[in-house]
N, C-alpha and C. Protein backbone atom coordinates (compact mmCIF):
# COMPACT_ATOMS: atom_id res chain seq x y z
N MET A 1 -18.42 -15.27 -0.83
CA MET A 1 -18.32 -15.82 -2.16
C MET A 1 -17.54 -17.12 -2.08
N ALA A 2 -18.21 -18.25 -2.02
CA ALA A 2 -17.54 -19.53 -1.89
C ALA A 2 -17.54 -20.23 -3.25
N ARG A 3 -16.57 -19.88 -4.06
CA ARG A 3 -16.46 -20.47 -5.39
C ARG A 3 -15.09 -21.12 -5.52
N SER A 4 -15.05 -22.17 -6.32
CA SER A 4 -13.75 -22.78 -6.58
C SER A 4 -13.10 -22.05 -7.74
N GLU A 5 -11.80 -22.32 -7.95
CA GLU A 5 -11.07 -21.66 -9.01
C GLU A 5 -11.71 -21.95 -10.37
N GLN A 6 -12.30 -23.14 -10.52
CA GLN A 6 -12.93 -23.50 -11.77
C GLN A 6 -14.20 -22.68 -12.02
N GLU A 7 -14.79 -22.10 -10.99
CA GLU A 7 -16.02 -21.35 -11.13
C GLU A 7 -15.80 -19.86 -11.33
N ILE A 8 -14.56 -19.42 -11.41
CA ILE A 8 -14.29 -18.01 -11.66
C ILE A 8 -14.73 -17.69 -13.07
N GLU A 9 -15.58 -16.70 -13.16
CA GLU A 9 -16.16 -16.41 -14.47
C GLU A 9 -15.26 -15.53 -15.33
N SER A 10 -15.54 -15.55 -16.59
CA SER A 10 -14.82 -14.72 -17.55
C SER A 10 -15.22 -13.27 -17.32
N PRO A 11 -14.38 -12.31 -17.48
CA PRO A 11 -13.00 -12.33 -18.00
C PRO A 11 -11.96 -12.60 -16.92
N TYR A 12 -12.39 -12.80 -15.67
CA TYR A 12 -11.46 -13.00 -14.57
C TYR A 12 -10.69 -14.31 -14.69
N SER A 13 -11.35 -15.32 -15.20
CA SER A 13 -10.71 -16.64 -15.27
C SER A 13 -9.44 -16.61 -16.11
N GLU A 14 -9.41 -15.79 -17.15
CA GLU A 14 -8.21 -15.72 -17.99
C GLU A 14 -7.00 -15.21 -17.21
N GLN A 15 -7.22 -14.32 -16.28
CA GLN A 15 -6.11 -13.75 -15.51
C GLN A 15 -5.82 -14.51 -14.23
N LEU A 16 -6.80 -15.20 -13.67
CA LEU A 16 -6.63 -15.79 -12.34
C LEU A 16 -6.46 -17.30 -12.33
N THR A 17 -6.93 -18.00 -13.34
CA THR A 17 -6.80 -19.45 -13.35
C THR A 17 -5.33 -19.83 -13.42
N GLY A 18 -4.92 -20.69 -12.52
CA GLY A 18 -3.54 -21.17 -12.48
C GLY A 18 -2.56 -20.23 -11.79
N ILE A 19 -3.03 -19.14 -11.24
CA ILE A 19 -2.13 -18.15 -10.61
C ILE A 19 -1.59 -18.64 -9.26
N LEU A 20 -2.33 -19.51 -8.60
CA LEU A 20 -1.95 -19.95 -7.25
C LEU A 20 -0.85 -21.00 -7.31
N SER A 21 0.32 -20.63 -6.83
CA SER A 21 1.46 -21.53 -6.78
C SER A 21 2.27 -21.20 -5.53
N PHE A 22 2.50 -22.20 -4.69
CA PHE A 22 3.23 -21.94 -3.45
C PHE A 22 4.06 -23.15 -3.03
N SER A 23 4.69 -23.80 -3.99
CA SER A 23 5.52 -24.96 -3.64
C SER A 23 6.83 -24.55 -2.98
N SER A 24 7.16 -23.26 -3.09
CA SER A 24 8.36 -22.73 -2.41
C SER A 24 8.05 -21.32 -1.94
N LEU A 25 8.94 -20.79 -1.11
CA LEU A 25 8.78 -19.41 -0.64
C LEU A 25 8.81 -18.44 -1.83
N ALA A 26 9.70 -18.69 -2.78
CA ALA A 26 9.82 -17.80 -3.94
C ALA A 26 8.54 -17.82 -4.78
N GLU A 27 7.97 -19.01 -4.97
CA GLU A 27 6.72 -19.10 -5.74
C GLU A 27 5.57 -18.42 -5.01
N ALA A 28 5.52 -18.58 -3.71
CA ALA A 28 4.46 -17.93 -2.93
C ALA A 28 4.59 -16.41 -3.03
N GLU A 29 5.79 -15.92 -2.93
CA GLU A 29 6.02 -14.47 -3.04
C GLU A 29 5.60 -13.97 -4.41
N GLU A 30 5.94 -14.72 -5.44
CA GLU A 30 5.56 -14.35 -6.81
C GLU A 30 4.03 -14.36 -6.97
N THR A 31 3.39 -15.38 -6.43
CA THR A 31 1.93 -15.47 -6.50
C THR A 31 1.27 -14.27 -5.82
N ILE A 32 1.73 -13.95 -4.63
CA ILE A 32 1.16 -12.82 -3.89
C ILE A 32 1.40 -11.52 -4.66
N GLY A 33 2.57 -11.40 -5.26
CA GLY A 33 2.86 -10.21 -6.07
C GLY A 33 1.92 -10.08 -7.25
N ARG A 34 1.66 -11.19 -7.92
CA ARG A 34 0.71 -11.15 -9.06
C ARG A 34 -0.70 -10.83 -8.58
N LEU A 35 -1.10 -11.42 -7.46
CA LEU A 35 -2.42 -11.12 -6.91
C LEU A 35 -2.54 -9.64 -6.55
N GLU A 36 -1.48 -9.09 -5.97
CA GLU A 36 -1.50 -7.68 -5.60
C GLU A 36 -1.58 -6.78 -6.83
N ASN A 37 -0.85 -7.12 -7.88
CA ASN A 37 -0.92 -6.33 -9.11
C ASN A 37 -2.33 -6.36 -9.70
N LEU A 38 -2.95 -7.53 -9.70
CA LEU A 38 -4.32 -7.63 -10.20
C LEU A 38 -5.30 -6.91 -9.29
N ARG A 39 -5.10 -7.03 -7.98
CA ARG A 39 -5.99 -6.34 -7.04
C ARG A 39 -5.94 -4.84 -7.27
N ARG A 40 -4.76 -4.30 -7.46
CA ARG A 40 -4.64 -2.86 -7.72
C ARG A 40 -5.31 -2.48 -9.04
N LYS A 41 -5.14 -3.31 -10.03
CA LYS A 41 -5.79 -3.06 -11.32
C LYS A 41 -7.31 -3.04 -11.16
N TYR A 42 -7.84 -4.03 -10.46
CA TYR A 42 -9.28 -4.10 -10.24
C TYR A 42 -9.76 -2.94 -9.38
N ARG A 43 -8.99 -2.60 -8.35
CA ARG A 43 -9.38 -1.50 -7.48
C ARG A 43 -9.43 -0.18 -8.25
N SER A 44 -8.43 0.06 -9.11
CA SER A 44 -8.42 1.32 -9.86
C SER A 44 -9.58 1.39 -10.85
N ALA A 45 -10.10 0.24 -11.23
CA ALA A 45 -11.26 0.19 -12.12
C ALA A 45 -12.57 0.08 -11.33
N SER A 46 -12.51 0.18 -9.99
CA SER A 46 -13.67 0.01 -9.10
C SER A 46 -14.37 -1.33 -9.35
N ASP A 47 -13.56 -2.36 -9.58
CA ASP A 47 -14.09 -3.69 -9.88
C ASP A 47 -14.04 -4.55 -8.61
N LYS A 48 -15.12 -4.52 -7.85
CA LYS A 48 -15.20 -5.25 -6.58
C LYS A 48 -15.14 -6.76 -6.78
N LYS A 49 -15.76 -7.23 -7.84
CA LYS A 49 -15.77 -8.67 -8.10
C LYS A 49 -14.35 -9.17 -8.36
N GLY A 50 -13.58 -8.43 -9.14
CA GLY A 50 -12.18 -8.81 -9.40
C GLY A 50 -11.37 -8.83 -8.13
N GLU A 51 -11.56 -7.82 -7.28
CA GLU A 51 -10.85 -7.78 -5.99
C GLU A 51 -11.22 -8.99 -5.14
N GLU A 52 -12.50 -9.34 -5.12
CA GLU A 52 -12.96 -10.47 -4.32
C GLU A 52 -12.38 -11.79 -4.84
N TYR A 53 -12.27 -11.92 -6.15
CA TYR A 53 -11.65 -13.13 -6.71
C TYR A 53 -10.18 -13.24 -6.27
N CYS A 54 -9.47 -12.14 -6.23
CA CYS A 54 -8.08 -12.15 -5.76
C CYS A 54 -8.03 -12.63 -4.31
N ARG A 55 -8.92 -12.12 -3.48
CA ARG A 55 -8.98 -12.55 -2.08
C ARG A 55 -9.31 -14.04 -1.98
N LEU A 56 -10.23 -14.50 -2.80
CA LEU A 56 -10.63 -15.90 -2.79
C LEU A 56 -9.43 -16.81 -3.07
N ILE A 57 -8.62 -16.44 -4.04
CA ILE A 57 -7.46 -17.25 -4.37
C ILE A 57 -6.43 -17.21 -3.24
N ALA A 58 -6.21 -16.04 -2.65
CA ALA A 58 -5.28 -15.94 -1.53
C ALA A 58 -5.79 -16.75 -0.33
N LEU A 59 -7.07 -16.72 -0.07
CA LEU A 59 -7.64 -17.54 1.01
C LEU A 59 -7.39 -19.02 0.76
N ARG A 60 -7.56 -19.44 -0.48
CA ARG A 60 -7.31 -20.84 -0.83
C ARG A 60 -5.84 -21.18 -0.59
N GLY A 61 -4.94 -20.28 -0.96
CA GLY A 61 -3.52 -20.51 -0.73
C GLY A 61 -3.20 -20.61 0.75
N ARG A 62 -3.79 -19.73 1.53
CA ARG A 62 -3.56 -19.77 2.98
C ARG A 62 -4.08 -21.08 3.57
N ARG A 63 -5.29 -21.46 3.19
CA ARG A 63 -5.88 -22.69 3.75
C ARG A 63 -5.07 -23.93 3.37
N ARG A 64 -4.69 -24.01 2.09
CA ARG A 64 -3.93 -25.18 1.65
C ARG A 64 -2.57 -25.24 2.34
N SER A 65 -1.90 -24.11 2.45
CA SER A 65 -0.59 -24.12 3.09
C SER A 65 -0.72 -24.44 4.58
N GLU A 66 -1.79 -23.96 5.22
CA GLU A 66 -2.03 -24.32 6.63
C GLU A 66 -2.25 -25.82 6.78
N GLN A 67 -3.03 -26.41 5.87
CA GLN A 67 -3.29 -27.85 5.93
C GLN A 67 -1.98 -28.63 5.81
N ILE A 68 -1.15 -28.24 4.87
CA ILE A 68 0.12 -28.94 4.68
C ILE A 68 1.01 -28.76 5.91
N SER A 69 0.98 -27.57 6.49
CA SER A 69 1.83 -27.30 7.66
C SER A 69 1.45 -28.16 8.87
N ARG A 70 0.22 -28.65 8.90
CA ARG A 70 -0.23 -29.49 10.02
C ARG A 70 -0.16 -30.99 9.71
N ASN A 71 0.19 -31.32 8.49
CA ASN A 71 0.23 -32.73 8.07
C ASN A 71 1.53 -33.37 8.54
N MET A 72 1.45 -34.27 9.50
CA MET A 72 2.62 -34.89 10.09
C MET A 72 3.34 -35.85 9.13
N ARG A 73 2.72 -36.20 8.03
CA ARG A 73 3.39 -37.04 7.03
C ARG A 73 4.35 -36.23 6.17
N VAL A 74 4.24 -34.91 6.25
CA VAL A 74 5.12 -34.02 5.49
C VAL A 74 6.35 -33.74 6.34
N LYS A 75 7.51 -33.64 5.69
CA LYS A 75 8.75 -33.38 6.41
C LYS A 75 8.66 -32.07 7.18
N SER A 76 9.34 -32.05 8.32
CA SER A 76 9.30 -30.90 9.22
C SER A 76 9.67 -29.60 8.52
N ILE A 77 10.72 -29.60 7.73
CA ILE A 77 11.17 -28.38 7.06
C ILE A 77 10.10 -27.85 6.11
N LYS A 78 9.41 -28.75 5.43
CA LYS A 78 8.35 -28.35 4.50
C LYS A 78 7.14 -27.83 5.27
N ARG A 79 6.84 -28.44 6.41
CA ARG A 79 5.73 -27.95 7.24
C ARG A 79 6.00 -26.53 7.72
N LYS A 80 7.24 -26.27 8.14
CA LYS A 80 7.61 -24.92 8.59
C LYS A 80 7.51 -23.92 7.43
N GLU A 81 7.96 -24.33 6.27
CA GLU A 81 7.88 -23.45 5.10
C GLU A 81 6.42 -23.12 4.77
N LYS A 82 5.56 -24.13 4.82
CA LYS A 82 4.14 -23.90 4.52
C LYS A 82 3.48 -23.03 5.58
N ALA A 83 3.90 -23.17 6.83
CA ALA A 83 3.37 -22.30 7.89
C ALA A 83 3.75 -20.85 7.62
N GLU A 84 4.99 -20.65 7.19
CA GLU A 84 5.44 -19.29 6.85
C GLU A 84 4.65 -18.74 5.66
N ILE A 85 4.45 -19.56 4.67
CA ILE A 85 3.67 -19.14 3.49
C ILE A 85 2.25 -18.78 3.90
N ALA A 86 1.66 -19.57 4.78
CA ALA A 86 0.31 -19.26 5.27
C ALA A 86 0.28 -17.89 5.93
N ARG A 87 1.33 -17.57 6.70
CA ARG A 87 1.41 -16.24 7.33
C ARG A 87 1.50 -15.14 6.28
N TRP A 88 2.27 -15.38 5.21
CA TRP A 88 2.38 -14.38 4.14
C TRP A 88 1.02 -14.11 3.52
N PHE A 89 0.29 -15.18 3.21
CA PHE A 89 -1.05 -15.00 2.64
C PHE A 89 -1.95 -14.25 3.61
N GLU A 90 -1.86 -14.61 4.89
CA GLU A 90 -2.69 -13.95 5.91
C GLU A 90 -2.39 -12.45 5.98
N ILE A 91 -1.12 -12.11 5.98
CA ILE A 91 -0.73 -10.70 6.01
C ILE A 91 -1.27 -9.97 4.79
N TRP A 92 -1.12 -10.58 3.62
CA TRP A 92 -1.63 -9.94 2.40
C TRP A 92 -3.15 -9.78 2.47
N LEU A 93 -3.83 -10.78 2.97
CA LEU A 93 -5.30 -10.70 3.06
C LEU A 93 -5.74 -9.58 4.00
N GLU A 94 -4.98 -9.37 5.07
CA GLU A 94 -5.34 -8.33 6.04
C GLU A 94 -4.94 -6.93 5.57
N THR A 95 -3.76 -6.81 4.99
CA THR A 95 -3.24 -5.49 4.57
C THR A 95 -2.46 -5.62 3.26
N PRO A 96 -3.15 -5.80 2.16
CA PRO A 96 -2.46 -6.02 0.88
C PRO A 96 -1.57 -4.85 0.46
N GLU A 97 -1.88 -3.66 0.92
CA GLU A 97 -1.13 -2.47 0.50
C GLU A 97 0.33 -2.51 0.95
N ILE A 98 0.63 -3.26 2.01
CA ILE A 98 2.00 -3.25 2.52
C ILE A 98 2.91 -4.25 1.82
N PHE A 99 2.38 -5.04 0.92
CA PHE A 99 3.15 -6.13 0.32
C PHE A 99 4.45 -5.64 -0.32
N GLU A 100 4.39 -4.61 -1.14
CA GLU A 100 5.59 -4.12 -1.82
C GLU A 100 6.64 -3.64 -0.82
N ASN A 101 6.22 -2.89 0.20
CA ASN A 101 7.17 -2.43 1.21
C ASN A 101 7.77 -3.59 1.98
N TRP A 102 6.95 -4.56 2.32
CA TRP A 102 7.43 -5.75 3.03
C TRP A 102 8.47 -6.48 2.19
N LYS A 103 8.18 -6.63 0.91
CA LYS A 103 9.08 -7.33 0.01
C LYS A 103 10.43 -6.61 -0.10
N LEU A 104 10.40 -5.30 -0.23
CA LEU A 104 11.63 -4.52 -0.30
C LEU A 104 12.43 -4.65 0.99
N GLU A 105 11.74 -4.56 2.13
CA GLU A 105 12.43 -4.68 3.42
C GLU A 105 13.02 -6.08 3.60
N LYS A 106 12.28 -7.09 3.22
CA LYS A 106 12.76 -8.47 3.32
C LYS A 106 14.01 -8.64 2.47
N ASN A 107 13.98 -8.15 1.25
CA ASN A 107 15.14 -8.27 0.36
C ASN A 107 16.34 -7.50 0.90
N TYR A 108 16.10 -6.36 1.50
CA TYR A 108 17.18 -5.56 2.10
C TYR A 108 17.88 -6.36 3.19
N TRP A 109 17.10 -6.96 4.09
CA TRP A 109 17.69 -7.71 5.20
C TRP A 109 18.37 -8.98 4.71
N LEU A 110 17.81 -9.63 3.71
CA LEU A 110 18.47 -10.82 3.16
C LEU A 110 19.83 -10.46 2.55
N LEU A 111 19.89 -9.34 1.87
CA LEU A 111 21.14 -8.88 1.29
C LEU A 111 22.18 -8.59 2.38
N LYS A 112 21.74 -7.92 3.45
CA LYS A 112 22.65 -7.63 4.57
C LYS A 112 23.18 -8.92 5.20
N ILE A 113 22.30 -9.89 5.38
CA ILE A 113 22.70 -11.17 5.96
C ILE A 113 23.70 -11.88 5.05
N LYS A 114 23.43 -11.89 3.75
CA LYS A 114 24.34 -12.54 2.81
C LYS A 114 25.72 -11.88 2.82
N LYS A 115 25.72 -10.55 2.84
CA LYS A 115 27.00 -9.84 2.85
C LYS A 115 27.77 -10.11 4.14
N ARG A 116 27.05 -10.20 5.23
CA ARG A 116 27.72 -10.40 6.52
C ARG A 116 28.25 -11.82 6.69
N TYR A 117 27.45 -12.81 6.32
CA TYR A 117 27.82 -14.19 6.58
C TYR A 117 28.39 -14.94 5.37
N PHE A 118 28.15 -14.41 4.19
CA PHE A 118 28.63 -15.06 2.97
C PHE A 118 29.30 -14.04 2.06
N PRO A 119 30.44 -13.49 2.51
CA PRO A 119 31.09 -12.41 1.73
C PRO A 119 31.63 -12.87 0.38
């Protein structure tokens, strides 16, 4: 299904248009979380088209972030961030079910690091 975001048909367009945002790690995480919530909603309704639209948007996010990560005109720190975001999208695309567990584990380790190094 090679469609652009503008070609997402109703009623999906109301929920999916504008959902893709990855200018920071936090925005990317939020975007993936919203996609996962919608994917679960569509899956529970046996809505294959809705699930495929979620995948399409995540693929677009992965591709765009990969492109930015390879662009030498972009600052090194931003390229590294986009490479990490691309990996997040890739992981979600391969195994979306683990997203919530991954997020909880990530937050746990960040909290431990903050407590240890920034008391």
